[in-house]
mmCIF file of all heavy atoms, coordinates in Angstrom:
data_MODEL
# 
_entry.id   MODEL 
# 
loop_
_atom_site.group_PDB 
_atom_site.id 
_atom_site.type_symbol 
_atom_site.label_atom_id 
_atom_site.label_alt_id 
_atom_site.label_comp_id 
_atom_site.label_asym_id 
_atom_site.label_entity_id 
_atom_site.label_seq_id 
_atom_site.pdbx_PDB_ins_code 
_atom_site.Cartn_x 
_atom_site.Cartn_y 
_atom_site.Cartn_z 
_atom_site.occupancy 
_atom_site.B_iso_or_equiv 
_atom_site.pdbx_formal_charge 
_atom_site.auth_seq_id 
_atom_site.auth_comp_id 
_atom_site.auth_asym_id 
_atom_site.auth_atom_id 
_atom_site.pdbx_PDB_model_num 
ATOM 1   N N   . ARG A 1 1  ? -0.595  -5.571  -11.393 1.00 0.00 ? 1  ARG A N   1 
ATOM 2   C CA  . ARG A 1 1  ? 0.610   -4.755  -11.223 1.00 0.00 ? 1  ARG A CA  1 
ATOM 3   C C   . ARG A 1 1  ? 0.235   -3.300  -10.853 1.00 0.00 ? 1  ARG A C   1 
ATOM 4   O O   . ARG A 1 1  ? 0.907   -2.657  -9.994  1.00 0.00 ? 1  ARG A O   1 
ATOM 5   C CB  . ARG A 1 1  ? 1.559   -4.812  -12.470 1.00 0.00 ? 1  ARG A CB  1 
ATOM 6   C CG  . ARG A 1 1  ? 2.781   -3.881  -12.367 1.00 0.00 ? 1  ARG A CG  1 
ATOM 7   C CD  . ARG A 1 1  ? 3.631   -4.070  -13.625 1.00 0.00 ? 1  ARG A CD  1 
ATOM 8   N NE  . ARG A 1 1  ? 2.967   -3.583  -14.800 1.00 0.00 ? 1  ARG A NE  1 
ATOM 9   C CZ  . ARG A 1 1  ? 2.660   -4.190  -15.839 1.00 0.00 ? 1  ARG A CZ  1 
ATOM 10  N NH1 . ARG A 1 1  ? 2.807   -5.631  -15.853 1.00 0.00 ? 1  ARG A NH1 1 
ATOM 11  N NH2 . ARG A 1 1  ? 2.147   -3.707  -16.913 1.00 0.00 ? 1  ARG A NH2 1 
ATOM 12  N N   . SER A 1 2  ? -0.748  -2.721  -11.486 1.00 0.00 ? 2  SER A N   1 
ATOM 13  C CA  . SER A 1 2  ? -1.123  -1.397  -11.275 1.00 0.00 ? 2  SER A CA  1 
ATOM 14  C C   . SER A 1 2  ? -1.644  -1.147  -9.904  1.00 0.00 ? 2  SER A C   1 
ATOM 15  O O   . SER A 1 2  ? -1.439  -0.172  -9.283  1.00 0.00 ? 2  SER A O   1 
ATOM 16  C CB  . SER A 1 2  ? -2.171  -0.997  -12.367 1.00 0.00 ? 2  SER A CB  1 
ATOM 17  O OG  . SER A 1 2  ? -1.666  -0.954  -13.634 1.00 0.00 ? 2  SER A OG  1 
ATOM 18  N N   . ALA A 1 3  ? -2.505  -2.134  -9.384  1.00 0.00 ? 3  ALA A N   1 
ATOM 19  C CA  . ALA A 1 3  ? -3.077  -2.124  -8.053  1.00 0.00 ? 3  ALA A CA  1 
ATOM 20  C C   . ALA A 1 3  ? -1.918  -2.112  -7.089  1.00 0.00 ? 3  ALA A C   1 
ATOM 21  O O   . ALA A 1 3  ? -1.857  -1.434  -5.983  1.00 0.00 ? 3  ALA A O   1 
ATOM 22  C CB  . ALA A 1 3  ? -4.133  -3.180  -7.906  1.00 0.00 ? 3  ALA A CB  1 
ATOM 23  N N   . LEU A 1 4  ? -1.025  -3.053  -7.250  1.00 0.00 ? 4  LEU A N   1 
ATOM 24  C CA  . LEU A 1 4  ? 0.134   -3.188  -6.245  1.00 0.00 ? 4  LEU A CA  1 
ATOM 25  C C   . LEU A 1 4  ? 0.948   -2.073  -6.290  1.00 0.00 ? 4  LEU A C   1 
ATOM 26  O O   . LEU A 1 4  ? 1.512   -1.569  -5.259  1.00 0.00 ? 4  LEU A O   1 
ATOM 27  C CB  . LEU A 1 4  ? 1.000   -4.440  -6.647  1.00 0.00 ? 4  LEU A CB  1 
ATOM 28  C CG  . LEU A 1 4  ? 0.247   -5.839  -6.468  1.00 0.00 ? 4  LEU A CG  1 
ATOM 29  C CD1 . LEU A 1 4  ? 1.095   -6.979  -7.158  1.00 0.00 ? 4  LEU A CD1 1 
ATOM 30  C CD2 . LEU A 1 4  ? 0.275   -6.151  -4.876  1.00 0.00 ? 4  LEU A CD2 1 
ATOM 31  N N   . HIS A 1 5  ? 1.243   -1.413  -7.476  1.00 0.00 ? 5  HIS A N   1 
ATOM 32  C CA  . HIS A 1 5  ? 2.055   -0.175  -7.509  1.00 0.00 ? 5  HIS A CA  1 
ATOM 33  C C   . HIS A 1 5  ? 1.411   0.955   -6.750  1.00 0.00 ? 5  HIS A C   1 
ATOM 34  O O   . HIS A 1 5  ? 2.141   1.692   -5.879  1.00 0.00 ? 5  HIS A O   1 
ATOM 35  C CB  . HIS A 1 5  ? 2.271   0.229   -8.893  1.00 0.00 ? 5  HIS A CB  1 
ATOM 36  C CG  . HIS A 1 5  ? 2.982   1.553   -9.113  1.00 0.00 ? 5  HIS A CG  1 
ATOM 37  N ND1 . HIS A 1 5  ? 4.356   1.741   -8.657  1.00 0.00 ? 5  HIS A ND1 1 
ATOM 38  C CD2 . HIS A 1 5  ? 2.618   2.766   -9.617  1.00 0.00 ? 5  HIS A CD2 1 
ATOM 39  C CE1 . HIS A 1 5  ? 4.743   2.901   -8.890  1.00 0.00 ? 5  HIS A CE1 1 
ATOM 40  N NE2 . HIS A 1 5  ? 3.685   3.551   -9.473  1.00 0.00 ? 5  HIS A NE2 1 
ATOM 41  N N   . ALA A 1 6  ? 0.145   1.199   -6.874  1.00 0.00 ? 6  ALA A N   1 
ATOM 42  C CA  . ALA A 1 6  ? -0.520  2.212   -6.083  1.00 0.00 ? 6  ALA A CA  1 
ATOM 43  C C   . ALA A 1 6  ? -0.569  1.805   -4.635  1.00 0.00 ? 6  ALA A C   1 
ATOM 44  O O   . ALA A 1 6  ? -0.339  2.765   -3.770  1.00 0.00 ? 6  ALA A O   1 
ATOM 45  C CB  . ALA A 1 6  ? -2.018  2.393   -6.675  1.00 0.00 ? 6  ALA A CB  1 
ATOM 46  N N   . ALA A 1 7  ? -0.839  0.538   -4.322  1.00 0.00 ? 7  ALA A N   1 
ATOM 47  C CA  . ALA A 1 7  ? -0.806  0.290   -2.906  1.00 0.00 ? 7  ALA A CA  1 
ATOM 48  C C   . ALA A 1 7  ? 0.631   0.450   -2.294  1.00 0.00 ? 7  ALA A C   1 
ATOM 49  O O   . ALA A 1 7  ? 0.673   0.935   -1.091  1.00 0.00 ? 7  ALA A O   1 
ATOM 50  C CB  . ALA A 1 7  ? -1.170  -1.215  -2.721  1.00 0.00 ? 7  ALA A CB  1 
ATOM 51  N N   . SER A 1 8  ? 1.596   0.193   -3.108  1.00 0.00 ? 8  SER A N   1 
ATOM 52  C CA  . SER A 1 8  ? 2.984   0.451   -2.506  1.00 0.00 ? 8  SER A CA  1 
ATOM 53  C C   . SER A 1 8  ? 3.255   1.925   -2.248  1.00 0.00 ? 8  SER A C   1 
ATOM 54  O O   . SER A 1 8  ? 3.843   2.308   -1.243  1.00 0.00 ? 8  SER A O   1 
ATOM 55  C CB  . SER A 1 8  ? 4.006   -0.044  -3.557  1.00 0.00 ? 8  SER A CB  1 
ATOM 56  O OG  . SER A 1 8  ? 5.374   0.216   -3.151  1.00 0.00 ? 8  SER A OG  1 
ATOM 57  N N   . LEU A 1 9  ? 2.692   2.865   -3.167  1.00 0.00 ? 9  LEU A N   1 
ATOM 58  C CA  . LEU A 1 9  ? 2.807   4.280   -2.890  1.00 0.00 ? 9  LEU A CA  1 
ATOM 59  C C   . LEU A 1 9  ? 2.175   4.657   -1.653  1.00 0.00 ? 9  LEU A C   1 
ATOM 60  O O   . LEU A 1 9  ? 2.718   5.467   -0.890  1.00 0.00 ? 9  LEU A O   1 
ATOM 61  C CB  . LEU A 1 9  ? 2.197   5.006   -4.107  1.00 0.00 ? 9  LEU A CB  1 
ATOM 62  C CG  . LEU A 1 9  ? 2.913   4.994   -5.418  1.00 0.00 ? 9  LEU A CG  1 
ATOM 63  C CD1 . LEU A 1 9  ? 2.106   5.689   -6.567  1.00 0.00 ? 9  LEU A CD1 1 
ATOM 64  C CD2 . LEU A 1 9  ? 4.326   5.519   -5.410  1.00 0.00 ? 9  LEU A CD2 1 
ATOM 65  N N   . LEU A 1 10 ? 1.035   4.015   -1.308  1.00 0.00 ? 10 LEU A N   1 
ATOM 66  C CA  . LEU A 1 10 ? 0.409   4.444   -0.056  1.00 0.00 ? 10 LEU A CA  1 
ATOM 67  C C   . LEU A 1 10 ? 1.050   3.846   1.093   1.00 0.00 ? 10 LEU A C   1 
ATOM 68  O O   . LEU A 1 10 ? 1.265   4.534   2.166   1.00 0.00 ? 10 LEU A O   1 
ATOM 69  C CB  . LEU A 1 10 ? -1.109  3.945   -0.060  1.00 0.00 ? 10 LEU A CB  1 
ATOM 70  C CG  . LEU A 1 10 ? -2.067  4.556   -1.071  1.00 0.00 ? 10 LEU A CG  1 
ATOM 71  C CD1 . LEU A 1 10 ? -3.470  3.900   -0.880  1.00 0.00 ? 10 LEU A CD1 1 
ATOM 72  C CD2 . LEU A 1 10 ? -2.192  6.059   -0.649  1.00 0.00 ? 10 LEU A CD2 1 
ATOM 73  N N   . GLU A 1 11 ? 1.533   2.649   1.002   1.00 0.00 ? 11 GLU A N   1 
ATOM 74  C CA  . GLU A 1 11 ? 2.305   2.042   2.185   1.00 0.00 ? 11 GLU A CA  1 
ATOM 75  C C   . GLU A 1 11 ? 3.537   2.822   2.468   1.00 0.00 ? 11 GLU A C   1 
ATOM 76  O O   . GLU A 1 11 ? 3.990   2.899   3.658   1.00 0.00 ? 11 GLU A O   1 
ATOM 77  C CB  . GLU A 1 11 ? 2.645   0.544   1.875   1.00 0.00 ? 11 GLU A CB  1 
ATOM 78  C CG  . GLU A 1 11 ? 1.434   -0.354  1.986   1.00 0.00 ? 11 GLU A CG  1 
ATOM 79  C CD  . GLU A 1 11 ? 1.871   -1.839  1.981   1.00 0.00 ? 11 GLU A CD  1 
ATOM 80  O OE1 . GLU A 1 11 ? 2.970   -2.126  1.722   1.00 0.00 ? 11 GLU A OE1 1 
ATOM 81  O OE2 . GLU A 1 11 ? 1.005   -2.627  2.311   1.00 0.00 ? 11 GLU A OE2 1 
ATOM 82  N N   . ASN A 1 12 ? 4.146   3.340   1.465   1.00 0.00 ? 12 ASN A N   1 
ATOM 83  C CA  . ASN A 1 12 ? 5.480   4.056   1.672   1.00 0.00 ? 12 ASN A CA  1 
ATOM 84  C C   . ASN A 1 12 ? 5.407   5.546   1.751   1.00 0.00 ? 12 ASN A C   1 
ATOM 85  O O   . ASN A 1 12 ? 6.505   6.161   1.719   1.00 0.00 ? 12 ASN A O   1 
ATOM 86  C CB  . ASN A 1 12 ? 6.425   3.568   0.533   1.00 0.00 ? 12 ASN A CB  1 
ATOM 87  C CG  . ASN A 1 12 ? 6.763   2.030   0.618   1.00 0.00 ? 12 ASN A CG  1 
ATOM 88  O OD1 . ASN A 1 12 ? 7.446   1.614   1.541   1.00 0.00 ? 12 ASN A OD1 1 
ATOM 89  N ND2 . ASN A 1 12 ? 6.361   1.327   -0.337  1.00 0.00 ? 12 ASN A ND2 1 
ATOM 90  N N   . ASP A 1 13 ? 4.155   6.121   1.789   1.00 0.00 ? 13 ASP A N   1 
ATOM 91  C CA  . ASP A 1 13 ? 4.036   7.497   1.760   1.00 0.00 ? 13 ASP A CA  1 
ATOM 92  C C   . ASP A 1 13 ? 4.497   8.031   3.168   1.00 0.00 ? 13 ASP A C   1 
ATOM 93  O O   . ASP A 1 13 ? 3.732   7.632   4.180   1.00 0.00 ? 13 ASP A O   1 
ATOM 94  C CB  . ASP A 1 13 ? 2.597   7.906   1.535   1.00 0.00 ? 13 ASP A CB  1 
ATOM 95  C CG  . ASP A 1 13 ? 2.427   9.349   1.328   1.00 0.00 ? 13 ASP A CG  1 
ATOM 96  O OD1 . ASP A 1 13 ? 2.908   10.181  2.139   1.00 0.00 ? 13 ASP A OD1 1 
ATOM 97  O OD2 . ASP A 1 13 ? 1.802   9.750   0.244   1.00 0.00 ? 13 ASP A OD2 1 
ATOM 98  N N   . PRO A 1 14 ? 5.431   8.858   3.373   1.00 0.00 ? 14 PRO A N   1 
ATOM 99  C CA  . PRO A 1 14 ? 5.918   9.321   4.722   1.00 0.00 ? 14 PRO A CA  1 
ATOM 100 C C   . PRO A 1 14 ? 4.810   10.115  5.397   1.00 0.00 ? 14 PRO A C   1 
ATOM 101 O O   . PRO A 1 14 ? 4.856   10.143  6.692   1.00 0.00 ? 14 PRO A O   1 
ATOM 102 C CB  . PRO A 1 14 ? 7.025   10.290  4.317   1.00 0.00 ? 14 PRO A CB  1 
ATOM 103 C CG  . PRO A 1 14 ? 6.964   10.551  2.902   1.00 0.00 ? 14 PRO A CG  1 
ATOM 104 C CD  . PRO A 1 14 ? 6.220   9.490   2.233   1.00 0.00 ? 14 PRO A CD  1 
ATOM 105 N N   . GLU A 1 15 ? 3.862   10.765  4.744   1.00 0.00 ? 15 GLU A N   1 
ATOM 106 C CA  . GLU A 1 15 ? 2.886   11.590  5.396   1.00 0.00 ? 15 GLU A CA  1 
ATOM 107 C C   . GLU A 1 15 ? 1.752   10.729  5.934   1.00 0.00 ? 15 GLU A C   1 
ATOM 108 O O   . GLU A 1 15 ? 0.887   11.236  6.669   1.00 0.00 ? 15 GLU A O   1 
ATOM 109 C CB  . GLU A 1 15 ? 2.307   12.602  4.410   1.00 0.00 ? 15 GLU A CB  1 
ATOM 110 C CG  . GLU A 1 15 ? 3.449   13.620  3.995   1.00 0.00 ? 15 GLU A CG  1 
ATOM 111 C CD  . GLU A 1 15 ? 2.751   14.847  3.262   1.00 0.00 ? 15 GLU A CD  1 
ATOM 112 O OE1 . GLU A 1 15 ? 1.561   15.040  3.294   1.00 0.00 ? 15 GLU A OE1 1 
ATOM 113 O OE2 . GLU A 1 15 ? 3.494   15.504  2.620   1.00 0.00 ? 15 GLU A OE2 1 
ATOM 114 N N   . LEU A 1 16 ? 1.746   9.443   5.635   1.00 0.00 ? 16 LEU A N   1 
ATOM 115 C CA  . LEU A 1 16 ? 0.652   8.580   6.089   1.00 0.00 ? 16 LEU A CA  1 
ATOM 116 C C   . LEU A 1 16 ? 1.136   7.672   7.342   1.00 0.00 ? 16 LEU A C   1 
ATOM 117 O O   . LEU A 1 16 ? 0.427   6.853   7.809   1.00 0.00 ? 16 LEU A O   1 
ATOM 118 C CB  . LEU A 1 16 ? 0.113   7.638   4.962   1.00 0.00 ? 16 LEU A CB  1 
ATOM 119 C CG  . LEU A 1 16 ? -0.552  8.489   3.849   1.00 0.00 ? 16 LEU A CG  1 
ATOM 120 C CD1 . LEU A 1 16 ? -0.965  7.456   2.720   1.00 0.00 ? 16 LEU A CD1 1 
ATOM 121 C CD2 . LEU A 1 16 ? -1.860  9.162   4.380   1.00 0.00 ? 16 LEU A CD2 1 
ATOM 122 N N   . ASP A 1 17 ? 2.416   7.908   7.729   1.00 0.00 ? 17 ASP A N   1 
ATOM 123 C CA  . ASP A 1 17 ? 2.884   7.284   8.886   1.00 0.00 ? 17 ASP A CA  1 
ATOM 124 C C   . ASP A 1 17 ? 2.877   5.770   8.946   1.00 0.00 ? 17 ASP A C   1 
ATOM 125 O O   . ASP A 1 17 ? 2.727   5.210   10.002  1.00 0.00 ? 17 ASP A O   1 
ATOM 126 C CB  . ASP A 1 17 ? 2.186   7.916   10.101  1.00 0.00 ? 17 ASP A CB  1 
ATOM 127 C CG  . ASP A 1 17 ? 2.373   9.387   10.280  1.00 0.00 ? 17 ASP A CG  1 
ATOM 128 O OD1 . ASP A 1 17 ? 3.429   9.874   9.882   1.00 0.00 ? 17 ASP A OD1 1 
ATOM 129 O OD2 . ASP A 1 17 ? 1.381   10.085  10.599  1.00 0.00 ? 17 ASP A OD2 1 
ATOM 130 N N   . GLY A 1 18 ? 2.912   5.125   7.792   1.00 0.00 ? 18 GLY A N   1 
ATOM 131 C CA  . GLY A 1 18 ? 2.866   3.590   7.765   1.00 0.00 ? 18 GLY A CA  1 
ATOM 132 C C   . GLY A 1 18 ? 1.557   3.048   8.163   1.00 0.00 ? 18 GLY A C   1 
ATOM 133 O O   . GLY A 1 18 ? 1.526   1.827   8.510   1.00 0.00 ? 18 GLY A O   1 
ATOM 134 N N   . ARG A 1 19 ? 0.446   3.835   8.185   1.00 0.00 ? 19 ARG A N   1 
ATOM 135 C CA  . ARG A 1 19 ? -0.811  3.238   8.646   1.00 0.00 ? 19 ARG A CA  1 
ATOM 136 C C   . ARG A 1 19 ? -1.532  2.447   7.574   1.00 0.00 ? 19 ARG A C   1 
ATOM 137 O O   . ARG A 1 19 ? -2.489  1.706   7.971   1.00 0.00 ? 19 ARG A O   1 
ATOM 138 C CB  . ARG A 1 19 ? -1.672  4.455   9.106   1.00 0.00 ? 19 ARG A CB  1 
ATOM 139 C CG  . ARG A 1 19 ? -1.290  5.037   10.393  1.00 0.00 ? 19 ARG A CG  1 
ATOM 140 C CD  . ARG A 1 19 ? -2.220  6.256   10.832  1.00 0.00 ? 19 ARG A CD  1 
ATOM 141 N NE  . ARG A 1 19 ? -2.049  7.401   9.959   1.00 0.00 ? 19 ARG A NE  1 
ATOM 142 C CZ  . ARG A 1 19 ? -2.945  7.660   9.079   1.00 0.00 ? 19 ARG A CZ  1 
ATOM 143 N NH1 . ARG A 1 19 ? -4.080  7.014   8.932   1.00 0.00 ? 19 ARG A NH1 1 
ATOM 144 N NH2 . ARG A 1 19 ? -2.790  8.865   8.248   1.00 0.00 ? 19 ARG A NH2 1 
ATOM 145 N N   . TYR A 1 20 ? -1.123  2.636   6.336   1.00 0.00 ? 20 TYR A N   1 
ATOM 146 C CA  . TYR A 1 20 ? -1.802  1.849   5.273   1.00 0.00 ? 20 TYR A CA  1 
ATOM 147 C C   . TYR A 1 20 ? -0.982  0.576   4.961   1.00 0.00 ? 20 TYR A C   1 
ATOM 148 O O   . TYR A 1 20 ? 0.102   0.701   4.470   1.00 0.00 ? 20 TYR A O   1 
ATOM 149 C CB  . TYR A 1 20 ? -1.890  2.718   4.026   1.00 0.00 ? 20 TYR A CB  1 
ATOM 150 C CG  . TYR A 1 20 ? -2.982  3.772   4.183   1.00 0.00 ? 20 TYR A CG  1 
ATOM 151 C CD1 . TYR A 1 20 ? -2.777  4.915   4.960   1.00 0.00 ? 20 TYR A CD1 1 
ATOM 152 C CD2 . TYR A 1 20 ? -4.204  3.626   3.519   1.00 0.00 ? 20 TYR A CD2 1 
ATOM 153 C CE1 . TYR A 1 20 ? -3.711  5.853   5.107   1.00 0.00 ? 20 TYR A CE1 1 
ATOM 154 C CE2 . TYR A 1 20 ? -5.226  4.575   3.598   1.00 0.00 ? 20 TYR A CE2 1 
ATOM 155 C CZ  . TYR A 1 20 ? -4.977  5.729   4.423   1.00 0.00 ? 20 TYR A CZ  1 
ATOM 156 O OH  . TYR A 1 20 ? -5.996  6.561   4.608   1.00 0.00 ? 20 TYR A OH  1 
ATOM 157 N N   . ARG A 1 21 ? -1.635  -0.572  5.232   1.00 0.00 ? 21 ARG A N   1 
ATOM 158 C CA  . ARG A 1 21 ? -0.944  -1.758  4.979   1.00 0.00 ? 21 ARG A CA  1 
ATOM 159 C C   . ARG A 1 21 ? -2.020  -2.756  4.281   1.00 0.00 ? 21 ARG A C   1 
ATOM 160 O O   . ARG A 1 21 ? -3.137  -2.847  4.821   1.00 0.00 ? 21 ARG A O   1 
ATOM 161 C CB  . ARG A 1 21 ? -0.537  -2.488  6.262   1.00 0.00 ? 21 ARG A CB  1 
ATOM 162 C CG  . ARG A 1 21 ? 0.788   -1.812  6.809   1.00 0.00 ? 21 ARG A CG  1 
ATOM 163 C CD  . ARG A 1 21 ? 1.925   -2.109  6.009   1.00 0.00 ? 21 ARG A CD  1 
ATOM 164 N NE  . ARG A 1 21 ? 3.221   -1.443  6.484   1.00 0.00 ? 21 ARG A NE  1 
ATOM 165 C CZ  . ARG A 1 21 ? 3.619   -0.360  6.016   1.00 0.00 ? 21 ARG A CZ  1 
ATOM 166 N NH1 . ARG A 1 21 ? 2.918   0.418   5.080   1.00 0.00 ? 21 ARG A NH1 1 
ATOM 167 N NH2 . ARG A 1 21 ? 4.788   0.185   6.477   1.00 0.00 ? 21 ARG A NH2 1 
ATOM 168 N N   . PHE A 1 22 ? -1.691  -3.376  3.252   1.00 0.00 ? 22 PHE A N   1 
ATOM 169 C CA  . PHE A 1 22 ? -2.601  -4.150  2.387   1.00 0.00 ? 22 PHE A CA  1 
ATOM 170 C C   . PHE A 1 22 ? -2.192  -5.714  2.498   1.00 0.00 ? 22 PHE A C   1 
ATOM 171 O O   . PHE A 1 22 ? -1.117  -6.028  2.505   1.00 0.00 ? 22 PHE A O   1 
ATOM 172 C CB  . PHE A 1 22 ? -2.569  -3.744  0.993   1.00 0.00 ? 22 PHE A CB  1 
ATOM 173 C CG  . PHE A 1 22 ? -2.980  -2.271  0.763   1.00 0.00 ? 22 PHE A CG  1 
ATOM 174 C CD1 . PHE A 1 22 ? -2.117  -1.201  0.832   1.00 0.00 ? 22 PHE A CD1 1 
ATOM 175 C CD2 . PHE A 1 22 ? -4.375  -2.105  0.466   1.00 0.00 ? 22 PHE A CD2 1 
ATOM 176 C CE1 . PHE A 1 22 ? -2.603  0.047   0.701   1.00 0.00 ? 22 PHE A CE1 1 
ATOM 177 C CE2 . PHE A 1 22 ? -4.752  -0.755  0.213   1.00 0.00 ? 22 PHE A CE2 1 
ATOM 178 C CZ  . PHE A 1 22 ? -3.955  0.291   0.289   1.00 0.00 ? 22 PHE A CZ  1 
ATOM 179 N N   . GLN A 1 23 ? -3.299  -6.428  2.602   1.00 0.00 ? 23 GLN A N   1 
ATOM 180 C CA  . GLN A 1 23 ? -3.059  -7.888  2.520   1.00 0.00 ? 23 GLN A CA  1 
ATOM 181 C C   . GLN A 1 23 ? -3.036  -8.364  1.106   1.00 0.00 ? 23 GLN A C   1 
ATOM 182 O O   . GLN A 1 23 ? -3.679  -7.777  0.306   1.00 0.00 ? 23 GLN A O   1 
ATOM 183 C CB  . GLN A 1 23 ? -4.226  -8.610  3.319   1.00 0.00 ? 23 GLN A CB  1 
ATOM 184 C CG  . GLN A 1 23 ? -5.613  -8.315  2.755   1.00 0.00 ? 23 GLN A CG  1 
ATOM 185 C CD  . GLN A 1 23 ? -6.620  -9.145  3.508   1.00 0.00 ? 23 GLN A CD  1 
ATOM 186 O OE1 . GLN A 1 23 ? -6.589  -10.413 3.544   1.00 0.00 ? 23 GLN A OE1 1 
ATOM 187 N NE2 . GLN A 1 23 ? -7.651  -8.430  4.158   1.00 0.00 ? 23 GLN A NE2 1 
ATOM 188 N N   . THR A 1 24 ? -2.308  -9.391  0.840   1.00 0.00 ? 24 THR A N   1 
ATOM 189 C CA  . THR A 1 24 ? -2.271  -9.974  -0.514  1.00 0.00 ? 24 THR A CA  1 
ATOM 190 C C   . THR A 1 24 ? -2.770  -11.419 -0.577  1.00 0.00 ? 24 THR A C   1 
ATOM 191 O O   . THR A 1 24 ? -2.872  -11.935 -1.687  1.00 0.00 ? 24 THR A O   1 
ATOM 192 C CB  . THR A 1 24 ? -0.789  -10.047 -1.015  1.00 0.00 ? 24 THR A CB  1 
ATOM 193 O OG1 . THR A 1 24 ? 0.127   -10.728 -0.125  1.00 0.00 ? 24 THR A OG1 1 
ATOM 194 C CG2 . THR A 1 24 ? -0.279  -8.538  -1.156  1.00 0.00 ? 24 THR A CG2 1 
ATOM 195 N N   . SER A 1 25 ? -3.201  -11.910 0.588   1.00 0.00 ? 25 SER A N   1 
ATOM 196 C CA  . SER A 1 25 ? -3.673  -13.345 0.664   1.00 0.00 ? 25 SER A CA  1 
ATOM 197 C C   . SER A 1 25 ? -5.146  -13.358 0.194   1.00 0.00 ? 25 SER A C   1 
ATOM 198 O O   . SER A 1 25 ? -5.616  -14.489 0.043   1.00 0.00 ? 25 SER A O   1 
ATOM 199 C CB  . SER A 1 25 ? -3.523  -13.866 2.056   1.00 0.00 ? 25 SER A CB  1 
ATOM 200 O OG  . SER A 1 25 ? -4.245  -13.050 3.020   1.00 0.00 ? 25 SER A OG  1 
ATOM 201 N N   . GLU A 1 26 ? -5.722  -12.201 0.054   1.00 0.00 ? 26 GLU A N   1 
ATOM 202 C CA  . GLU A 1 26 ? -7.156  -12.156 -0.455  1.00 0.00 ? 26 GLU A CA  1 
ATOM 203 C C   . GLU A 1 26 ? -7.317  -10.853 -1.284  1.00 0.00 ? 26 GLU A C   1 
ATOM 204 O O   . GLU A 1 26 ? -6.972  -9.869  -0.807  1.00 0.00 ? 26 GLU A O   1 
ATOM 205 C CB  . GLU A 1 26 ? -8.106  -12.261 0.706   1.00 0.00 ? 26 GLU A CB  1 
ATOM 206 C CG  . GLU A 1 26 ? -9.550  -12.229 0.249   1.00 0.00 ? 26 GLU A CG  1 
ATOM 207 C CD  . GLU A 1 26 ? -10.571 -12.092 1.410   1.00 0.00 ? 26 GLU A CD  1 
ATOM 208 O OE1 . GLU A 1 26 ? -10.212 -12.313 2.598   1.00 0.00 ? 26 GLU A OE1 1 
ATOM 209 O OE2 . GLU A 1 26 ? -11.838 -11.995 1.133   1.00 0.00 ? 26 GLU A OE2 1 
ATOM 210 N N   . PHE A 1 27 ? -7.868  -11.084 -2.460  1.00 0.00 ? 27 PHE A N   1 
ATOM 211 C CA  . PHE A 1 27 ? -8.184  -9.814  -3.227  1.00 0.00 ? 27 PHE A CA  1 
ATOM 212 C C   . PHE A 1 27 ? -9.282  -10.102 -4.257  1.00 0.00 ? 27 PHE A C   1 
ATOM 213 O O   . PHE A 1 27 ? -9.660  -11.285 -4.454  1.00 0.00 ? 27 PHE A O   1 
ATOM 214 C CB  . PHE A 1 27 ? -6.915  -9.336  -3.951  1.00 0.00 ? 27 PHE A CB  1 
ATOM 215 C CG  . PHE A 1 27 ? -6.353  -10.356 -4.931  1.00 0.00 ? 27 PHE A CG  1 
ATOM 216 C CD1 . PHE A 1 27 ? -6.696  -10.349 -6.287  1.00 0.00 ? 27 PHE A CD1 1 
ATOM 217 C CD2 . PHE A 1 27 ? -5.335  -11.159 -4.524  1.00 0.00 ? 27 PHE A CD2 1 
ATOM 218 C CE1 . PHE A 1 27 ? -6.189  -11.201 -7.181  1.00 0.00 ? 27 PHE A CE1 1 
ATOM 219 C CE2 . PHE A 1 27 ? -4.713  -11.994 -5.454  1.00 0.00 ? 27 PHE A CE2 1 
ATOM 220 C CZ  . PHE A 1 27 ? -5.181  -12.088 -6.767  1.00 0.00 ? 27 PHE A CZ  1 
# 
């Protein structure tokens, strides 16, 4: 949950222009 929450913050950060996308099929 903690890893996903931090990943969501990066994915949705407006200053990062949507460039951070994480896969969930492998971790």
